[in-house]
Amino acid sequence: VLRTHFVGDVSPAGDPARFVKAVHSLYDTWRDGGAAAAGMPLVVNTQGWVKGTGLDLLVDTLRYVHPTHLLQVMAPQANKNAPDGVFWARDAEDEEAVRQACAVMPLSSPAS
């Protein structure tokens, strides 16, 4: 373990800015501490909140860490899922770059 952060709650809703700072700090430590150059993978388990502020936090996280793979767990109810595709792209040009750099793999979750 290179570094951990405790954001003081079970949800980032209470202090979204603190959550963003923690994510950025953890990524920066991985990138700048030599782990990235050594080929150590980085796994980011996001908070699963895909509407409103949660979607904003997810978009910020994905834009900052530039994932190469995204495993998107899909709920049986479409309204509980994040948008399809590379929804965090800033524009059409960015979308093409993201599509080339990141494999998005939707996974179906069991029906509840």
N, C-alpha and C. Protein backbone atom coordinates (compact mmCIF):
# COMPACT_ATOMS: atom_id res chain seq x y z
N VAL A 1 0.85 -1.17 0.00
CA VAL A 1 0.00 0.00 0.00
C VAL A 1 0.90 1.23 0.00
N LEU A 2 0.70 2.06 -1.00
CA LEU A 2 1.48 3.29 -1.10
C LEU A 2 0.93 4.40 -0.23
N ARG A 3 -0.41 4.50 -0.22
CA ARG A 3 -1.04 5.61 0.51
C ARG A 3 -2.53 5.34 0.61
N THR A 4 -3.14 5.80 1.67
CA THR A 4 -4.58 5.70 1.83
C THR A 4 -5.11 7.04 2.33
N HIS A 5 -6.41 7.25 2.13
CA HIS A 5 -7.08 8.43 2.66
C HIS A 5 -8.40 7.99 3.28
N PHE A 6 -8.73 8.59 4.38
CA PHE A 6 -10.06 8.40 4.96
C PHE A 6 -10.77 9.73 4.84
N VAL A 7 -11.90 9.73 4.15
CA VAL A 7 -12.60 11.00 3.92
C VAL A 7 -13.61 11.33 5.00
N GLY A 8 -13.70 10.50 6.01
CA GLY A 8 -14.51 10.84 7.18
C GLY A 8 -15.97 10.50 7.11
N ASP A 9 -16.37 9.71 6.11
CA ASP A 9 -17.78 9.38 5.97
C ASP A 9 -17.92 8.17 5.07
N VAL A 10 -19.09 7.58 5.05
CA VAL A 10 -19.34 6.45 4.16
C VAL A 10 -19.75 6.91 2.77
N SER A 11 -20.01 8.19 2.61
CA SER A 11 -20.41 8.75 1.33
C SER A 11 -19.67 10.06 1.09
N PRO A 12 -19.32 10.35 -0.16
CA PRO A 12 -18.68 11.63 -0.46
C PRO A 12 -19.66 12.80 -0.46
N ALA A 13 -20.94 12.55 -0.24
CA ALA A 13 -21.95 13.61 -0.32
C ALA A 13 -21.71 14.74 0.68
N GLY A 14 -21.18 14.41 1.84
CA GLY A 14 -20.96 15.42 2.87
C GLY A 14 -19.88 16.43 2.53
N ASP A 15 -18.89 16.02 1.75
CA ASP A 15 -17.78 16.91 1.40
C ASP A 15 -17.17 16.46 0.07
N PRO A 16 -17.87 16.73 -1.04
CA PRO A 16 -17.38 16.29 -2.34
C PRO A 16 -15.97 16.79 -2.68
N ALA A 17 -15.65 18.02 -2.28
CA ALA A 17 -14.33 18.57 -2.59
C ALA A 17 -13.23 17.77 -1.89
N ARG A 18 -13.49 17.33 -0.69
CA ARG A 18 -12.51 16.51 0.04
C ARG A 18 -12.30 15.18 -0.67
N PHE A 19 -13.39 14.60 -1.16
CA PHE A 19 -13.30 13.35 -1.91
C PHE A 19 -12.43 13.54 -3.15
N VAL A 20 -12.66 14.60 -3.91
CA VAL A 20 -11.88 14.88 -5.12
C VAL A 20 -10.41 15.05 -4.77
N LYS A 21 -10.11 15.80 -3.73
CA LYS A 21 -8.71 16.00 -3.31
C LYS A 21 -8.05 14.67 -2.95
N ALA A 22 -8.78 13.81 -2.26
CA ALA A 22 -8.24 12.51 -1.88
C ALA A 22 -7.94 11.66 -3.11
N VAL A 23 -8.87 11.61 -4.06
CA VAL A 23 -8.66 10.83 -5.29
C VAL A 23 -7.44 11.36 -6.04
N HIS A 24 -7.36 12.66 -6.19
CA HIS A 24 -6.23 13.25 -6.91
C HIS A 24 -4.91 12.94 -6.20
N SER A 25 -4.90 13.06 -4.88
CA SER A 25 -3.69 12.78 -4.10
C SER A 25 -3.25 11.33 -4.25
N LEU A 26 -4.20 10.41 -4.19
CA LEU A 26 -3.86 8.99 -4.33
C LEU A 26 -3.31 8.70 -5.72
N TYR A 27 -3.95 9.25 -6.74
CA TYR A 27 -3.47 9.04 -8.11
C TYR A 27 -2.07 9.65 -8.29
N ASP A 28 -1.88 10.86 -7.79
CA ASP A 28 -0.58 11.52 -7.92
C ASP A 28 0.53 10.71 -7.24
N THR A 29 0.22 10.12 -6.09
CA THR A 29 1.20 9.29 -5.39
C THR A 29 1.57 8.08 -6.24
N TRP A 30 0.58 7.44 -6.83
CA TRP A 30 0.83 6.28 -7.70
C TRP A 30 1.67 6.70 -8.91
N ARG A 31 1.28 7.79 -9.55
CA ARG A 31 1.96 8.25 -10.77
C ARG A 31 3.37 8.75 -10.48
N ASP A 32 3.52 9.59 -9.46
CA ASP A 32 4.79 10.25 -9.20
C ASP A 32 5.74 9.45 -8.32
N GLY A 33 5.21 8.44 -7.64
CA GLY A 33 6.03 7.65 -6.72
C GLY A 33 6.75 6.49 -7.37
N GLY A 34 6.63 6.34 -8.67
CA GLY A 34 7.35 5.29 -9.37
C GLY A 34 6.53 4.04 -9.63
N ALA A 35 5.37 3.91 -9.00
CA ALA A 35 4.56 2.71 -9.19
C ALA A 35 4.07 2.59 -10.63
N ALA A 36 3.67 3.71 -11.22
CA ALA A 36 3.20 3.68 -12.61
C ALA A 36 4.32 3.26 -13.54
N ALA A 37 5.50 3.86 -13.36
CA ALA A 37 6.64 3.54 -14.22
C ALA A 37 7.08 2.09 -14.06
N ALA A 38 6.88 1.53 -12.87
CA ALA A 38 7.27 0.14 -12.60
C ALA A 38 6.23 -0.85 -13.13
N GLY A 39 5.14 -0.33 -13.69
CA GLY A 39 4.12 -1.20 -14.24
C GLY A 39 3.12 -1.71 -13.23
N MET A 40 3.13 -1.15 -12.02
CA MET A 40 2.17 -1.56 -10.99
C MET A 40 0.79 -1.05 -11.38
N PRO A 41 -0.20 -1.93 -11.47
CA PRO A 41 -1.53 -1.47 -11.86
C PRO A 41 -2.17 -0.62 -10.77
N LEU A 42 -3.05 0.22 -11.19
CA LEU A 42 -3.84 1.04 -10.26
C LEU A 42 -5.30 0.64 -10.43
N VAL A 43 -5.93 0.23 -9.35
CA VAL A 43 -7.34 -0.12 -9.37
C VAL A 43 -8.08 0.94 -8.58
N VAL A 44 -9.04 1.59 -9.23
CA VAL A 44 -9.84 2.61 -8.56
C VAL A 44 -11.27 2.08 -8.47
N ASN A 45 -11.70 1.83 -7.26
CA ASN A 45 -13.07 1.38 -7.01
C ASN A 45 -13.89 2.62 -6.66
N THR A 46 -14.67 3.09 -7.60
CA THR A 46 -15.43 4.32 -7.37
C THR A 46 -16.61 4.07 -6.45
N GLN A 47 -17.28 5.12 -6.06
CA GLN A 47 -18.30 5.05 -5.02
C GLN A 47 -19.66 4.53 -5.49
N GLY A 48 -19.86 4.33 -6.78
CA GLY A 48 -21.10 3.72 -7.26
C GLY A 48 -22.30 4.64 -7.38
N TRP A 49 -22.14 5.89 -7.05
CA TRP A 49 -23.21 6.88 -7.09
C TRP A 49 -23.15 7.50 -8.49
N VAL A 50 -24.17 7.30 -9.33
CA VAL A 50 -24.06 7.69 -10.74
C VAL A 50 -25.08 8.75 -11.17
N LYS A 51 -25.64 9.45 -10.23
CA LYS A 51 -26.58 10.53 -10.54
C LYS A 51 -26.16 11.79 -9.78
N GLY A 52 -26.48 12.95 -10.34
CA GLY A 52 -26.23 14.22 -9.66
C GLY A 52 -24.76 14.42 -9.30
N THR A 53 -24.52 14.76 -8.05
CA THR A 53 -23.15 15.00 -7.57
C THR A 53 -22.28 13.77 -7.74
N GLY A 54 -22.85 12.59 -7.55
CA GLY A 54 -22.08 11.36 -7.71
C GLY A 54 -21.55 11.20 -9.12
N LEU A 55 -22.36 11.53 -10.10
CA LEU A 55 -21.91 11.47 -11.49
C LEU A 55 -20.82 12.50 -11.74
N ASP A 56 -20.96 13.68 -11.17
CA ASP A 56 -19.92 14.71 -11.29
C ASP A 56 -18.59 14.21 -10.72
N LEU A 57 -18.65 13.53 -9.56
CA LEU A 57 -17.43 13.00 -8.95
C LEU A 57 -16.84 11.88 -9.80
N LEU A 58 -17.68 11.05 -10.36
CA LEU A 58 -17.20 9.97 -11.22
C LEU A 58 -16.52 10.53 -12.47
N VAL A 59 -17.14 11.51 -13.10
CA VAL A 59 -16.56 12.15 -14.29
C VAL A 59 -15.21 12.76 -13.93
N ASP A 60 -15.12 13.48 -12.82
CA ASP A 60 -13.86 14.08 -12.40
C ASP A 60 -12.79 13.01 -12.21
N THR A 61 -13.16 11.92 -11.53
CA THR A 61 -12.21 10.84 -11.28
C THR A 61 -11.71 10.24 -12.59
N LEU A 62 -12.61 9.94 -13.50
CA LEU A 62 -12.21 9.32 -14.76
C LEU A 62 -11.36 10.26 -15.60
N ARG A 63 -11.68 11.53 -15.60
CA ARG A 63 -10.87 12.48 -16.37
C ARG A 63 -9.48 12.61 -15.77
N TYR A 64 -9.38 12.51 -14.45
CA TYR A 64 -8.09 12.71 -13.80
C TYR A 64 -7.18 11.49 -13.93
N VAL A 65 -7.73 10.30 -13.77
CA VAL A 65 -6.87 9.10 -13.77
C VAL A 65 -6.66 8.49 -15.15
N HIS A 66 -7.42 8.91 -16.16
CA HIS A 66 -7.26 8.38 -17.52
C HIS A 66 -7.17 6.86 -17.53
N PRO A 67 -8.26 6.17 -17.19
CA PRO A 67 -8.19 4.71 -17.10
C PRO A 67 -7.94 4.05 -18.46
N THR A 68 -7.30 2.89 -18.41
CA THR A 68 -7.12 2.10 -19.62
C THR A 68 -8.23 1.06 -19.75
N HIS A 69 -8.87 0.72 -18.62
CA HIS A 69 -9.98 -0.24 -18.59
C HIS A 69 -11.02 0.28 -17.62
N LEU A 70 -12.27 0.13 -17.98
CA LEU A 70 -13.36 0.53 -17.09
C LEU A 70 -14.36 -0.63 -17.04
N LEU A 71 -14.52 -1.20 -15.86
CA LEU A 71 -15.52 -2.23 -15.65
C LEU A 71 -16.75 -1.53 -15.09
N GLN A 72 -17.81 -1.51 -15.86
CA GLN A 72 -19.02 -0.79 -15.48
C GLN A 72 -20.09 -1.81 -15.11
N VAL A 73 -20.36 -1.93 -13.80
CA VAL A 73 -21.39 -2.85 -13.33
C VAL A 73 -22.75 -2.24 -13.65
N MET A 74 -23.54 -3.00 -14.38
CA MET A 74 -24.84 -2.52 -14.85
C MET A 74 -25.97 -3.13 -14.01
N ALA A 75 -26.84 -2.28 -13.51
CA ALA A 75 -28.02 -2.74 -12.77
C ALA A 75 -29.09 -3.17 -13.76
N PRO A 76 -29.98 -4.07 -13.35
CA PRO A 76 -31.08 -4.45 -14.25
C PRO A 76 -31.96 -3.26 -14.65
N GLN A 77 -32.09 -2.28 -13.76
CA GLN A 77 -32.89 -1.09 -14.04
C GLN A 77 -31.98 -0.02 -14.68
N ALA A 78 -32.27 0.33 -15.94
CA ALA A 78 -31.42 1.25 -16.69
C ALA A 78 -31.23 2.60 -15.99
N ASN A 79 -32.23 3.06 -15.25
CA ASN A 79 -32.12 4.37 -14.59
C ASN A 79 -31.14 4.37 -13.42
N LYS A 80 -30.59 3.21 -13.06
CA LYS A 80 -29.61 3.13 -11.97
C LYS A 80 -28.19 3.01 -12.49
N ASN A 81 -28.01 3.13 -13.79
CA ASN A 81 -26.69 2.99 -14.40
C ASN A 81 -26.11 4.33 -14.80
N ALA A 82 -24.80 4.37 -14.89
CA ALA A 82 -24.12 5.54 -15.44
C ALA A 82 -24.46 5.60 -16.93
N PRO A 83 -24.28 6.74 -17.55
CA PRO A 83 -24.52 6.83 -18.99
C PRO A 83 -23.65 5.83 -19.76
N ASP A 84 -24.10 5.43 -20.92
CA ASP A 84 -23.34 4.49 -21.74
C ASP A 84 -22.09 5.15 -22.32
N GLY A 85 -21.14 4.30 -22.69
CA GLY A 85 -19.96 4.75 -23.42
C GLY A 85 -18.98 5.55 -22.59
N VAL A 86 -18.26 6.43 -23.25
CA VAL A 86 -17.23 7.24 -22.60
C VAL A 86 -17.82 8.60 -22.22
N PHE A 87 -18.78 8.55 -21.34
CA PHE A 87 -19.56 9.73 -20.94
C PHE A 87 -18.73 10.83 -20.31
N TRP A 88 -17.50 10.55 -19.91
CA TRP A 88 -16.67 11.56 -19.28
C TRP A 88 -15.85 12.37 -20.29
N ALA A 89 -15.95 12.05 -21.57
CA ALA A 89 -15.23 12.81 -22.60
C ALA A 89 -15.74 14.25 -22.64
N ARG A 90 -14.85 15.19 -22.86
CA ARG A 90 -15.20 16.61 -22.85
C ARG A 90 -15.90 17.05 -24.14
N ASP A 91 -15.51 16.45 -25.25
CA ASP A 91 -16.09 16.82 -26.55
C ASP A 91 -15.82 15.68 -27.53
N ALA A 92 -16.20 15.85 -28.79
CA ALA A 92 -16.07 14.78 -29.78
C ALA A 92 -14.61 14.38 -29.99
N GLU A 93 -13.72 15.34 -30.02
CA GLU A 93 -12.29 15.03 -30.20
C GLU A 93 -11.76 14.23 -29.01
N ASP A 94 -12.12 14.65 -27.81
CA ASP A 94 -11.71 13.95 -26.60
C ASP A 94 -12.33 12.56 -26.56
N GLU A 95 -13.58 12.45 -27.03
CA GLU A 95 -14.25 11.15 -27.03
C GLU A 95 -13.48 10.14 -27.86
N GLU A 96 -12.99 10.54 -29.01
CA GLU A 96 -12.22 9.62 -29.85
C GLU A 96 -10.94 9.20 -29.15
N ALA A 97 -10.25 10.13 -28.52
CA ALA A 97 -9.01 9.80 -27.79
C ALA A 97 -9.30 8.86 -26.63
N VAL A 98 -10.37 9.11 -25.91
CA VAL A 98 -10.73 8.26 -24.78
C VAL A 98 -11.09 6.86 -25.27
N ARG A 99 -11.84 6.77 -26.35
CA ARG A 99 -12.23 5.45 -26.91
C ARG A 99 -10.99 4.64 -27.30
N GLN A 100 -9.97 5.30 -27.80
CA GLN A 100 -8.74 4.60 -28.19
C GLN A 100 -7.92 4.18 -26.98
N ALA A 101 -8.01 4.94 -25.90
CA ALA A 101 -7.18 4.68 -24.72
C ALA A 101 -7.84 3.80 -23.67
N CYS A 102 -9.16 3.68 -23.69
CA CYS A 102 -9.86 3.00 -22.60
C CYS A 102 -10.87 1.99 -23.12
N ALA A 103 -10.75 0.77 -22.65
CA ALA A 103 -11.71 -0.27 -22.97
C ALA A 103 -12.83 -0.23 -21.92
N VAL A 104 -14.05 0.05 -22.34
CA VAL A 104 -15.21 0.08 -21.43
C VAL A 104 -15.90 -1.28 -21.52
N MET A 105 -16.00 -1.95 -20.38
CA MET A 105 -16.59 -3.28 -20.35
C MET A 105 -17.78 -3.31 -19.40
N PRO A 106 -19.01 -3.28 -19.96
CA PRO A 106 -20.18 -3.36 -19.10
C PRO A 106 -20.36 -4.79 -18.57
N LEU A 107 -20.68 -4.90 -17.29
CA LEU A 107 -20.92 -6.19 -16.64
C LEU A 107 -22.31 -6.17 -16.05
N SER A 108 -23.10 -7.17 -16.33
CA SER A 108 -24.45 -7.24 -15.77
C SER A 108 -24.39 -7.71 -14.33
N SER A 109 -25.10 -7.00 -13.47
CA SER A 109 -25.21 -7.44 -12.08
C SER A 109 -26.43 -8.36 -11.98
N PRO A 110 -26.44 -9.25 -10.99
CA PRO A 110 -27.59 -10.12 -10.84
C PRO A 110 -28.85 -9.32 -10.49
N ALA A 111 -29.97 -9.77 -10.95
CA ALA A 111 -31.24 -9.11 -10.61
C ALA A 111 -31.49 -9.24 -9.12
N SER A 112 -32.01 -8.17 -8.54
CA SER A 112 -32.26 -8.22 -7.09
C SER A 112 -33.72 -8.42 -6.80
